[in-house]
Amino acid sequence: MSRTNVIARRAGSLVLPLVVCTAAAQAHAGGFGLREQSSYFQGTSFAGTAAGGEGLAGMFWNPAAINFTPGLSLESNFTYIMPHASIDVFQASAPLTGANLGNNGVGDIIDDALLPTVFASYAWDKIAIGFGLTVPFGLVSDAPCNWSGRYYGCYSRIFDINFQASMAYKVNDWLTLGGGFSINYMDARLSNATFTGIVPPTNNLYAQVNGDDLGFGINLGVLLTPWKGTTIGIGYKSAMDQNLEGTLDLFFQQAQLARYAASAGITLPAQVTASVRSQVSPEWTLLGTVEWTNWSSVDELVVRTPTAVASVLDLAWKDGWFFAGGAEYKWDPKLTLRAGLAYELTPVPDETRSPRLPDTNRLWLSGGLTYAVTEQLSMDFAYSHIWGESSPIEQLPTQPGNALRGVLIGEVNSGYVDLVSVGLRYKFGELAPAAIR
């Protein structure tokens, strides 16, 4: 019997339950939220996001901060994300056999991406409505399936798009309330090598999981104006359940051996953002943000196929925290400059960090500007550099779900991200004092 037929026969009797435990179980194994929704707020490292401002994207964090200008307004943003992260492998061995897999790491495991967003709002005397198309989650990590950590992941892609509708009501001069709903579409594809009991590198079998789903959530917010020139905003985004329905495919080299229906349930985390914006002089405005994301609620991933016993993986995540401070300087009536500094705590603990998403703590430094081309048309520009910490990867067969993955000990290092963002904002109709402040 040929080697291909031997592996195909093994796939029918052994590999399916193995893949359910190893390939799909890592479908959402990292903090994969995306903050880059606004050129305007990126200039301050996203300080002040929930406290309103000229940028319409404030509604993403706080529906009460829909718009500071009456009438119809539009905003479009494009952010090019250039991440880099290397994985050095100190020790890697195959499952069960303990065969040495070498020290072949990955020089750059995260791919570049372009992130677009669109916002629109309309404000009357006491009411404003807003709509947004955003990308709140996403991931593209790409490692060759012959690297030493191939049993822990090769290619991973999460595509996400969110439609948000919100309404704000100005109760009085110092209080505005907001609320709305979100519809979230998520599509995921993940692959990794799969152990068949043959000593590597003969093992060329790998699995690929595809799935997508719609999820629904709500948004709530409040905007306070304790005194003129100062706003305090608090926004809440609910958790969203997603049950990704799709397929699980097994391949030997380029030949497909089998296809199974598969599903993987995940709950996207709730989030609370608190921000302040205070104009301390005609030229200077100070901003700050504290944000909490309930990643610890994403405690497990359940994977099912029609013929396999359900697989449950304990992720053991922590909650995520983000702290930012920034300032704006009005250079002249047409030009406003801004800068900001932020620090972000990863939800992924050292003991469960995966090469699918080598997430670490990070430091942000940003600068940006707004140029008013006319009274109605404004252009935003921002640049950020993010430094990631070096952090360990230590995956052992004794950990939950790793029995058939082997040993992978290494380090994530050389982590950084460059962000370049441009935005356009246009206000239709006659300009007047803001209805929603």
Foldseek 3Di string as FASTA:
>chain_A
DDPVVVLLVLCVPPFVVLCLLFWCFCQPQFDFWDDPADLVCVQAVNFFLCQEDCDQNSCVFALLRRHQWAAKKKKKKKKKKDWFKWWWFPFFAFFPVRHGLDTFIGRGFFHIDMWMKMKMKHDDQFKMKMKMKGWGGWGWTAADQSGRQQSQFGTKIKGKIKIWIKMWGHPDPFKIKMKTKMKMKMKIKTKGFFDSPDHPPVRQKMKMDIWMFIWMWMKIKMWGPPDPQKIKMKIKIAKIKTKTWDWMWMDRPNRTSDIFTKIKIWIFWMKMKIKMWGAPDPFKIKIWIKMKTQCVVRQWMWMDTPPDDIDIDGSRWAIKMKIKIKMWGPPDPFKIKMWMKMKIATRHDLARQGSSDNDAIKIKIKIKMKGPPDPFKIKIKMKMKMAGDKGWHWDACVHPSNNRSTTTTIIMDPIMMIMIMMMMMGGDDDTDGTSRD
